[in-house]
Amino acid sequence: MTILIDPPHWPGPRGLMWSHLVSDASLDELHTFAARLGVPPRAFDRDHYDVPETAHARAVSLGAEAVSSRELLRRLVEGGLRKRQGR
């Protein structure tokens, strides 16, 4: 099981760029890691957490694997954790 984070390429609130934080195997693992990182539960969206650019380096230092957005999505789908809106 691995926690993955993509680069902060997504514009969001407070004028920050945002990353996606996912697990390739377990939502429980993802929730545990997000809590350790200090990400609030409200940042969870179906299958990922939205994480501000200010937390990216800390996520990596805690063990998240930095990957491209394409790689993150591929591994999320392969792990069976991709949840589409409305499902």
PDB file of N, CA and C in Angstrom:
ATOM      1  N   MET A   1       0.839  -1.178   0.000  1.00  0.00           N
ATOM      2  CA  MET A   1       0.000   0.000   0.000  1.00  0.00           C
ATOM      3  C   MET A   1       0.884   1.241   0.000  1.00  0.00           C
ATOM      4  N   THR A   2       0.473   2.208  -0.778  1.00  0.00           N
ATOM      5  CA  THR A   2       1.260   3.423  -0.923  1.00  0.00           C
ATOM      6  C   THR A   2       0.354   4.639  -0.946  1.00  0.00           C
ATOM      7  N   ILE A   3       0.772   5.697  -0.304  1.00  0.00           N
ATOM      8  CA  ILE A   3       0.112   6.991  -0.402  1.00  0.00           C
ATOM      9  C   ILE A   3       0.818   7.766  -1.505  1.00  0.00           C
ATOM     10  N   LEU A   4       0.045   8.372  -2.379  1.00  0.00           N
ATOM     11  CA  LEU A   4       0.577   9.112  -3.520  1.00  0.00           C
ATOM     12  C   LEU A   4       0.115  10.563  -3.455  1.00  0.00           C
ATOM     13  N   ILE A   5       0.945  11.461  -3.957  1.00  0.00           N
ATOM     14  CA  ILE A   5       0.567  12.869  -4.066  1.00  0.00           C
ATOM     15  C   ILE A   5       1.080  13.401  -5.394  1.00  0.00           C
ATOM     16  N   ASP A   6       0.216  14.142  -6.092  1.00  0.00           N
ATOM     17  CA  ASP A   6       0.647  14.734  -7.362  1.00  0.00           C
ATOM     18  C   ASP A   6       1.118  16.170  -7.122  1.00  0.00           C
ATOM     19  N   PRO A   7       1.727  16.784  -8.132  1.00  0.00           N
ATOM     20  CA  PRO A   7       2.215  18.159  -7.964  1.00  0.00           C
ATOM     21  C   PRO A   7       1.055  19.128  -7.735  1.00  0.00           C
ATOM     22  N   PRO A   8       1.306  20.213  -7.035  1.00  0.00           N
ATOM     23  CA  PRO A   8       0.254  21.206  -6.819  1.00  0.00           C
ATOM     24  C   PRO A   8       0.010  22.039  -8.081  1.00  0.00           C
ATOM     25  N   HIS A   9      -0.813  21.484  -8.968  1.00  0.00           N
ATOM     26  CA  HIS A   9      -1.106  22.124 -10.255  1.00  0.00           C
ATOM     27  C   HIS A   9      -2.523  22.662 -10.351  1.00  0.00           C
ATOM     28  N   TRP A  10      -3.343  22.442  -9.336  1.00  0.00           N
ATOM     29  CA  TRP A  10      -4.773  22.746  -9.446  1.00  0.00           C
ATOM     30  C   TRP A  10      -5.105  23.999  -8.643  1.00  0.00           C
ATOM     31  N   PRO A  11      -5.590  25.067  -9.303  1.00  0.00           N
ATOM     32  CA  PRO A  11      -5.937  26.288  -8.573  1.00  0.00           C
ATOM     33  C   PRO A  11      -7.117  26.032  -7.641  1.00  0.00           C
ATOM     34  N   GLY A  12      -7.066  26.670  -6.484  1.00  0.00           N
ATOM     35  CA  GLY A  12      -8.138  26.464  -5.520  1.00  0.00           C
ATOM     36  C   GLY A  12      -8.292  27.639  -4.585  1.00  0.00           C
ATOM     37  N   PRO A  13      -8.958  27.390  -3.466  1.00  0.00           N
ATOM     38  CA  PRO A  13      -9.247  28.450  -2.497  1.00  0.00           C
ATOM     39  C   PRO A  13      -7.993  29.133  -1.972  1.00  0.00           C
ATOM     40  N   ARG A  14      -8.176  30.337  -1.532  1.00  0.00           N
ATOM     41  CA  ARG A  14      -7.133  31.154  -0.895  1.00  0.00           C
ATOM     42  C   ARG A  14      -5.963  31.460  -1.828  1.00  0.00           C
ATOM     43  N   GLY A  15      -6.183  31.350  -3.139  1.00  0.00           N
ATOM     44  CA  GLY A  15      -5.133  31.666  -4.094  1.00  0.00           C
ATOM     45  C   GLY A  15      -4.003  30.659  -4.132  1.00  0.00           C
ATOM     46  N   LEU A  16      -4.209  29.474  -3.546  1.00  0.00           N
ATOM     47  CA  LEU A  16      -3.176  28.440  -3.515  1.00  0.00           C
ATOM     48  C   LEU A  16      -3.363  27.441  -4.650  1.00  0.00           C
ATOM     49  N   MET A  17      -2.296  26.744  -4.946  1.00  0.00           N
ATOM     50  CA  MET A  17      -2.368  25.609  -5.862  1.00  0.00           C
ATOM     51  C   MET A  17      -2.528  24.360  -4.998  1.00  0.00           C
ATOM     52  N   TRP A  18      -3.216  23.351  -5.546  1.00  0.00           N
ATOM     53  CA  TRP A  18      -3.591  22.186  -4.753  1.00  0.00           C
ATOM     54  C   TRP A  18      -3.145  20.892  -5.417  1.00  0.00           C
ATOM     55  N   SER A  19      -2.873  19.901  -4.578  1.00  0.00           N
ATOM     56  CA  SER A  19      -2.509  18.546  -4.985  1.00  0.00           C
ATOM     57  C   SER A  19      -3.625  17.596  -4.599  1.00  0.00           C
ATOM     58  N   HIS A  20      -3.532  16.381  -5.138  1.00  0.00           N
ATOM     59  CA  HIS A  20      -4.433  15.303  -4.747  1.00  0.00           C
ATOM     60  C   HIS A  20      -3.617  14.273  -3.971  1.00  0.00           C
ATOM     61  N   LEU A  21      -4.172  13.819  -2.853  1.00  0.00           N
ATOM     62  CA  LEU A  21      -3.554  12.804  -2.007  1.00  0.00           C
ATOM     63  C   LEU A  21      -4.435  11.569  -2.063  1.00  0.00           C
ATOM     64  N   VAL A  22      -3.859  10.435  -2.478  1.00  0.00           N
ATOM     65  CA  VAL A  22      -4.634   9.196  -2.616  1.00  0.00           C
ATOM     66  C   VAL A  22      -3.851   8.014  -2.053  1.00  0.00           C
ATOM     67  N   SER A  23      -4.561   6.906  -1.891  1.00  0.00           N
ATOM     68  CA  SER A  23      -3.937   5.617  -1.611  1.00  0.00           C
ATOM     69  C   SER A  23      -4.154   4.747  -2.838  1.00  0.00           C
ATOM     70  N   ASP A  24      -3.218   3.859  -3.101  1.00  0.00           N
ATOM     71  CA  ASP A  24      -3.404   2.946  -4.232  1.00  0.00           C
ATOM     72  C   ASP A  24      -4.090   1.651  -3.808  1.00  0.00           C
ATOM     73  N   ALA A  25      -4.481   1.554  -2.506  1.00  0.00           N
ATOM     74  CA  ALA A  25      -5.070   0.289  -2.063  1.00  0.00           C
ATOM     75  C   ALA A  25      -6.135   0.391  -0.978  1.00  0.00           C
ATOM     76  N   SER A  26      -6.148   1.458  -0.170  1.00  0.00           N
ATOM     77  CA  SER A  26      -7.014   1.453   1.003  1.00  0.00           C
ATOM     78  C   SER A  26      -7.435   2.858   1.416  1.00  0.00           C
ATOM     79  N   LEU A  27      -8.747   3.084   1.488  1.00  0.00           N
ATOM     80  CA  LEU A  27      -9.222   4.375   1.979  1.00  0.00           C
ATOM     81  C   LEU A  27      -8.896   4.546   3.463  1.00  0.00           C
ATOM     82  N   ASP A  28      -8.886   3.465   4.221  1.00  0.00           N
ATOM     83  CA  ASP A  28      -8.512   3.556   5.636  1.00  0.00           C
ATOM     84  C   ASP A  28      -7.081   4.074   5.768  1.00  0.00           C
ATOM     85  N   GLU A  29      -6.180   3.544   4.943  1.00  0.00           N
ATOM     86  CA  GLU A  29      -4.794   4.011   4.945  1.00  0.00           C
ATOM     87  C   GLU A  29      -4.738   5.500   4.588  1.00  0.00           C
ATOM     88  N   LEU A  30      -5.518   5.908   3.605  1.00  0.00           N
ATOM     89  CA  LEU A  30      -5.550   7.306   3.178  1.00  0.00           C
ATOM     90  C   LEU A  30      -6.035   8.207   4.308  1.00  0.00           C
ATOM     91  N   HIS A  31      -7.125   7.833   4.975  1.00  0.00           N
ATOM     92  CA  HIS A  31      -7.659   8.653   6.062  1.00  0.00           C
ATOM     93  C   HIS A  31      -6.655   8.756   7.218  1.00  0.00           C
ATOM     94  N   THR A  32      -5.987   7.677   7.523  1.00  0.00           N
ATOM     95  CA  THR A  32      -4.987   7.682   8.597  1.00  0.00           C
ATOM     96  C   THR A  32      -3.836   8.617   8.253  1.00  0.00           C
ATOM     97  N   PHE A  33      -3.353   8.539   7.014  1.00  0.00           N
ATOM     98  CA  PHE A  33      -2.244   9.394   6.589  1.00  0.00           C
ATOM     99  C   PHE A  33      -2.679  10.861   6.598  1.00  0.00           C
ATOM    100  N   ALA A  34      -3.855  11.146   6.088  1.00  0.00           N
ATOM    101  CA  ALA A  34      -4.342  12.532   6.042  1.00  0.00           C
ATOM    102  C   ALA A  34      -4.439  13.115   7.453  1.00  0.00           C
ATOM    103  N   ALA A  35      -4.899  12.310   8.409  1.00  0.00           N
ATOM    104  CA  ALA A  35      -4.976  12.780   9.793  1.00  0.00           C
ATOM    105  C   ALA A  35      -3.575  13.099  10.328  1.00  0.00           C
ATOM    106  N   ARG A  36      -2.604  12.233  10.041  1.00  0.00           N
ATOM    107  CA  ARG A  36      -1.209  12.489  10.456  1.00  0.00           C
ATOM    108  C   ARG A  36      -0.666  13.773   9.845  1.00  0.00           C
ATOM    109  N   LEU A  37      -1.067  14.030   8.601  1.00  0.00           N
ATOM    110  CA  LEU A  37      -0.626  15.225   7.886  1.00  0.00           C
ATOM    111  C   LEU A  37      -1.339  16.480   8.389  1.00  0.00           C
ATOM    112  N   GLY A  38      -2.465  16.292   9.081  1.00  0.00           N
ATOM    113  CA  GLY A  38      -3.227  17.435   9.584  1.00  0.00           C
ATOM    114  C   GLY A  38      -4.261  17.954   8.606  1.00  0.00           C
ATOM    115  N   VAL A  39      -4.611  17.136   7.626  1.00  0.00           N
ATOM    116  CA  VAL A  39      -5.615  17.522   6.637  1.00  0.00           C
ATOM    117  C   VAL A  39      -6.999  17.270   7.240  1.00  0.00           C
ATOM    118  N   PRO A  40      -7.884  18.264   7.230  1.00  0.00           N
ATOM    119  CA  PRO A  40      -9.202  18.070   7.838  1.00  0.00           C
ATOM    120  C   PRO A  40     -10.074  17.127   7.007  1.00  0.00           C
ATOM    121  N   PRO A  41     -10.975  16.396   7.670  1.00  0.00           N
ATOM    122  CA  PRO A  41     -11.868  15.470   6.950  1.00  0.00           C
ATOM    123  C   PRO A  41     -12.672  16.137   5.831  1.00  0.00           C
ATOM    124  N   ARG A  42     -12.985  17.425   5.973  1.00  0.00           N
ATOM    125  CA  ARG A  42     -13.770  18.112   4.935  1.00  0.00           C
ATOM    126  C   ARG A  42     -13.016  18.205   3.600  1.00  0.00           C
ATOM    127  N   ALA A  43     -11.696  17.959   3.604  1.00  0.00           N
ATOM    128  CA  ALA A  43     -10.899  18.004   2.368  1.00  0.00           C
ATOM    129  C   ALA A  43     -11.013  16.712   1.559  1.00  0.00           C
ATOM    130  N   PHE A  44     -11.721  15.707   2.106  1.00  0.00           N
ATOM    131  CA  PHE A  44     -11.891  14.433   1.395  1.00  0.00           C
ATOM    132  C   PHE A  44     -13.001  14.576   0.366  1.00  0.00           C
ATOM    133  N   ASP A  45     -12.736  14.107  -0.856  1.00  0.00           N
ATOM    134  CA  ASP A  45     -13.703  14.179  -1.952  1.00  0.00           C
ATOM    135  C   ASP A  45     -13.746  12.837  -2.678  1.00  0.00           C
ATOM    136  N   ARG A  46     -14.665  11.970  -2.296  1.00  0.00           N
ATOM    137  CA  ARG A  46     -14.942  10.661  -2.901  1.00  0.00           C
ATOM    138  C   ARG A  46     -13.804   9.645  -2.819  1.00  0.00           C
ATOM    139  N   ASP A  47     -12.602   9.999  -3.299  1.00  0.00           N
ATOM    140  CA  ASP A  47     -11.498   9.033  -3.338  1.00  0.00           C
ATOM    141  C   ASP A  47     -10.138   9.684  -3.116  1.00  0.00           C
ATOM    142  N   HIS A  48     -10.146  10.962  -2.762  1.00  0.00           N
ATOM    143  CA  HIS A  48      -8.888  11.681  -2.569  1.00  0.00           C
ATOM    144  C   HIS A  48      -9.079  12.842  -1.598  1.00  0.00           C
ATOM    145  N   TYR A  49      -7.958  13.343  -1.121  1.00  0.00           N
ATOM    146  CA  TYR A  49      -7.953  14.585  -0.351  1.00  0.00           C
ATOM    147  C   TYR A  49      -7.345  15.669  -1.226  1.00  0.00           C
ATOM    148  N   ASP A  50      -7.907  16.870  -1.136  1.00  0.00           N
ATOM    149  CA  ASP A  50      -7.297  18.038  -1.745  1.00  0.00           C
ATOM    150  C   ASP A  50      -6.349  18.636  -0.710  1.00  0.00           C
ATOM    151  N   VAL A  51      -5.094  18.808  -1.111  1.00  0.00           N
ATOM    152  CA  VAL A  51      -4.037  19.231  -0.193  1.00  0.00           C
ATOM    153  C   VAL A  51      -3.381  20.488  -0.756  1.00  0.00           C
ATOM    154  N   PRO A  52      -3.262  21.559   0.046  1.00  0.00           N
ATOM    155  CA  PRO A  52      -2.644  22.784  -0.459  1.00  0.00           C
ATOM    156  C   PRO A  52      -1.149  22.621  -0.697  1.00  0.00           C
ATOM    157  N   GLU A  53      -0.642  23.457  -1.587  1.00  0.00           N
ATOM    158  CA  GLU A  53       0.783  23.411  -1.924  1.00  0.00           C
ATOM    159  C   GLU A  53       1.670  23.533  -0.690  1.00  0.00           C
ATOM    160  N   THR A  54       1.179  24.189   0.334  1.00  0.00           N
ATOM    161  CA  THR A  54       1.966  24.385   1.555  1.00  0.00           C
ATOM    162  C   THR A  54       2.182  23.081   2.329  1.00  0.00           C
ATOM    163  N   ALA A  55       1.415  22.030   2.009  1.00  0.00           N
ATOM    164  CA  ALA A  55       1.545  20.743   2.705  1.00  0.00           C
ATOM    165  C   ALA A  55       2.231  19.670   1.854  1.00  0.00           C
ATOM    166  N   HIS A  56       2.552  19.982   0.615  1.00  0.00           N
ATOM    167  CA  HIS A  56       3.116  18.979  -0.297  1.00  0.00           C
ATOM    168  C   HIS A  56       4.431  18.395   0.232  1.00  0.00           C
ATOM    169  N   ALA A  57       5.377  19.242   0.562  1.00  0.00           N
ATOM    170  CA  ALA A  57       6.687  18.756   1.030  1.00  0.00           C
ATOM    171  C   ALA A  57       6.554  17.950   2.323  1.00  0.00           C
ATOM    172  N   ARG A  58       5.675  18.372   3.208  1.00  0.00           N
ATOM    173  CA  ARG A  58       5.474  17.632   4.462  1.00  0.00           C
ATOM    174  C   ARG A  58       4.885  16.261   4.179  1.00  0.00           C
ATOM    175  N   ALA A  59       3.958  16.172   3.227  1.00  0.00           N
ATOM    176  CA  ALA A  59       3.376  14.872   2.863  1.00  0.00           C
ATOM    177  C   ALA A  59       4.471  13.929   2.374  1.00  0.00           C
ATOM    178  N   VAL A  60       5.361  14.436   1.545  1.00  0.00           N
ATOM    179  CA  VAL A  60       6.464  13.612   1.039  1.00  0.00           C
ATOM    180  C   VAL A  60       7.395  13.212   2.187  1.00  0.00           C
ATOM    181  N   SER A  61       7.665  14.142   3.093  1.00  0.00           N
ATOM    182  CA  SER A  61       8.557  13.818   4.213  1.00  0.00           C
ATOM    183  C   SER A  61       7.932  12.773   5.149  1.00  0.00           C
ATOM    184  N   LEU A  62       6.605  12.691   5.175  1.00  0.00           N
ATOM    185  CA  LEU A  62       5.921  11.684   5.990  1.00  0.00           C
ATOM    186  C   LEU A  62       5.779  10.342   5.271  1.00  0.00           C
ATOM    187  N   GLY A  63       6.207  10.299   3.997  1.00  0.00           N
ATOM    188  CA  GLY A  63       6.210   9.027   3.287  1.00  0.00           C
ATOM    189  C   GLY A  63       5.366   8.938   2.036  1.00  0.00           C
ATOM    190  N   ALA A  64       4.655  10.009   1.678  1.00  0.00           N
ATOM    191  CA  ALA A  64       3.883   9.978   0.428  1.00  0.00           C
ATOM    192  C   ALA A  64       4.856   9.940  -0.752  1.00  0.00           C
ATOM    193  N   GLU A  65       4.481   9.220  -1.778  1.00  0.00           N
ATOM    194  CA  GLU A  65       5.293   9.139  -2.989  1.00  0.00           C
ATOM    195  C   GLU A  65       4.831  10.221  -3.961  1.00  0.00           C
ATOM    196  N   ALA A  66       5.731  11.119  -4.338  1.00  0.00           N
ATOM    197  CA  ALA A  66       5.412  12.178  -5.296  1.00  0.00           C
ATOM    198  C   ALA A  66       5.404  11.580  -6.703  1.00  0.00           C
ATOM    199  N   VAL A  67       4.268  11.706  -7.387  1.00  0.00           N
ATOM    200  CA  VAL A  67       4.106  11.160  -8.734  1.00  0.00           C
ATOM    201  C   VAL A  67       3.387  12.190  -9.602  1.00  0.00           C
ATOM    202  N   SER A  68       3.402  11.968 -10.899  1.00  0.00           N
ATOM    203  CA  SER A  68       2.663  12.848 -11.802  1.00  0.00           C
ATOM    204  C   SER A  68       1.162  12.638 -11.602  1.00  0.00           C
ATOM    205  N   SER A  69       0.378  13.582 -12.051  1.00  0.00           N
ATOM    206  CA  SER A  69      -1.084  13.451 -11.965  1.00  0.00           C
ATOM    207  C   SER A  69      -1.562  12.242 -12.759  1.00  0.00           C
ATOM    208  N   ARG A  70      -0.958  12.006 -13.894  1.00  0.00           N
ATOM    209  CA  ARG A  70      -1.333  10.854 -14.726  1.00  0.00           C
ATOM    210  C   ARG A  70      -1.046   9.532 -13.998  1.00  0.00           C
ATOM    211  N   GLU A  71       0.132   9.439 -13.366  1.00  0.00           N
ATOM    212  CA  GLU A  71       0.500   8.239 -12.615  1.00  0.00           C
ATOM    213  C   GLU A  71      -0.431   8.045 -11.421  1.00  0.00           C
ATOM    214  N   LEU A  72      -0.746   9.129 -10.723  1.00  0.00           N
ATOM    215  CA  LEU A  72      -1.647   9.051  -9.582  1.00  0.00           C
ATOM    216  C   LEU A  72      -2.999   8.480 -10.014  1.00  0.00           C
ATOM    217  N   LEU A  73      -3.552   9.003 -11.089  1.00  0.00           N
ATOM    218  CA  LEU A  73      -4.852   8.522 -11.569  1.00  0.00           C
ATOM    219  C   LEU A  73      -4.773   7.063 -12.011  1.00  0.00           C
ATOM    220  N   ARG A  74      -3.723   6.702 -12.711  1.00  0.00           N
ATOM    221  CA  ARG A  74      -3.569   5.316 -13.164  1.00  0.00           C
ATOM    222  C   ARG A  74      -3.569   4.354 -11.978  1.00  0.00           C
ATOM    223  N   ARG A  75      -2.815   4.684 -10.954  1.00  0.00           N
ATOM    224  CA  ARG A  75      -2.714   3.786  -9.802  1.00  0.00           C
ATOM    225  C   ARG A  75      -3.981   3.787  -8.963  1.00  0.00           C
ATOM    226  N   LEU A  76      -4.689   4.897  -8.932  1.00  0.00           N
ATOM    227  CA  LEU A  76      -5.976   4.957  -8.234  1.00  0.00           C
ATOM    228  C   LEU A  76      -6.993   4.055  -8.924  1.00  0.00           C
ATOM    229  N   VAL A  77      -7.039   4.104 -10.245  1.00  0.00           N
ATOM    230  CA  VAL A  77      -7.951   3.250 -11.020  1.00  0.00           C
ATOM    231  C   VAL A  77      -7.552   1.786 -10.875  1.00  0.00           C
ATOM    232  N   GLU A  78      -6.269   1.476 -11.044  1.00  0.00           N
ATOM    233  CA  GLU A  78      -5.805   0.091 -10.925  1.00  0.00           C
ATOM    234  C   GLU A  78      -6.061  -0.490  -9.536  1.00  0.00           C
ATOM    235  N   GLY A  79      -6.029   0.352  -8.513  1.00  0.00           N
ATOM    236  CA  GLY A  79      -6.288  -0.100  -7.154  1.00  0.00           C
ATOM    237  C   GLY A  79      -7.773  -0.287  -6.865  1.00  0.00           C
ATOM    238  N   GLY A  80      -8.625   0.092  -7.831  1.00  0.00           N
ATOM    239  CA  GLY A  80     -10.070  -0.059  -7.652  1.00  0.00           C
ATOM    240  C   GLY A  80     -10.697   0.968  -6.740  1.00  0.00           C
ATOM    241  N   LEU A  81      -9.989   2.059  -6.476  1.00  0.00           N
ATOM    242  CA  LEU A  81     -10.499   3.070  -5.558  1.00  0.00           C
ATOM    243  C   LEU A  81     -11.070   4.310  -6.240  1.00  0.00           C
ATOM    244  N   ARG A  82     -10.995   4.398  -7.555  1.00  0.00           N
ATOM    245  CA  ARG A  82     -11.531   5.572  -8.268  1.00  0.00           C
ATOM    246  C   ARG A  82     -13.035   5.578  -8.130  1.00  0.00           C
ATOM    247  N   LYS A  83     -13.569   6.666  -7.609  1.00  0.00           N
ATOM    248  CA  LYS A  83     -15.008   6.812  -7.443  1.00  0.00           C
ATOM    249  C   LYS A  83     -15.471   7.987  -8.275  1.00  0.00           C
ATOM    250  N   ARG A  84     -16.334   7.727  -9.213  1.00  0.00           N
ATOM    251  CA  ARG A  84     -16.882   8.793 -10.050  1.00  0.00           C
ATOM    252  C   ARG A  84     -18.008   9.500  -9.304  1.00  0.00           C
ATOM    253  N   GLN A  85     -18.212  10.761  -9.630  1.00  0.00           N
ATOM    254  CA  GLN A  85     -19.284  11.522  -8.995  1.00  0.00           C
ATOM    255  C   GLN A  85     -20.625  10.892  -9.336  1.00  0.00           C
ATOM    256  N   GLY A  86     -21.492  10.823  -8.333  1.00  0.00           N
ATOM    257  CA  GLY A  86     -22.830  10.273  -8.555  1.00  0.00           C
ATOM    258  C   GLY A  86     -22.923   8.766  -8.405  1.00  0.00           C
ATOM    259  N   ARG A  87     -21.805   8.106  -8.051  1.00  0.00           N
ATOM    260  CA  ARG A  87     -21.832   6.647  -7.877  1.00  0.00           C
ATOM    261  C   ARG A  87     -21.735   6.290  -6.421  1.00  0.00           C
TER     262      ARG A  87
END
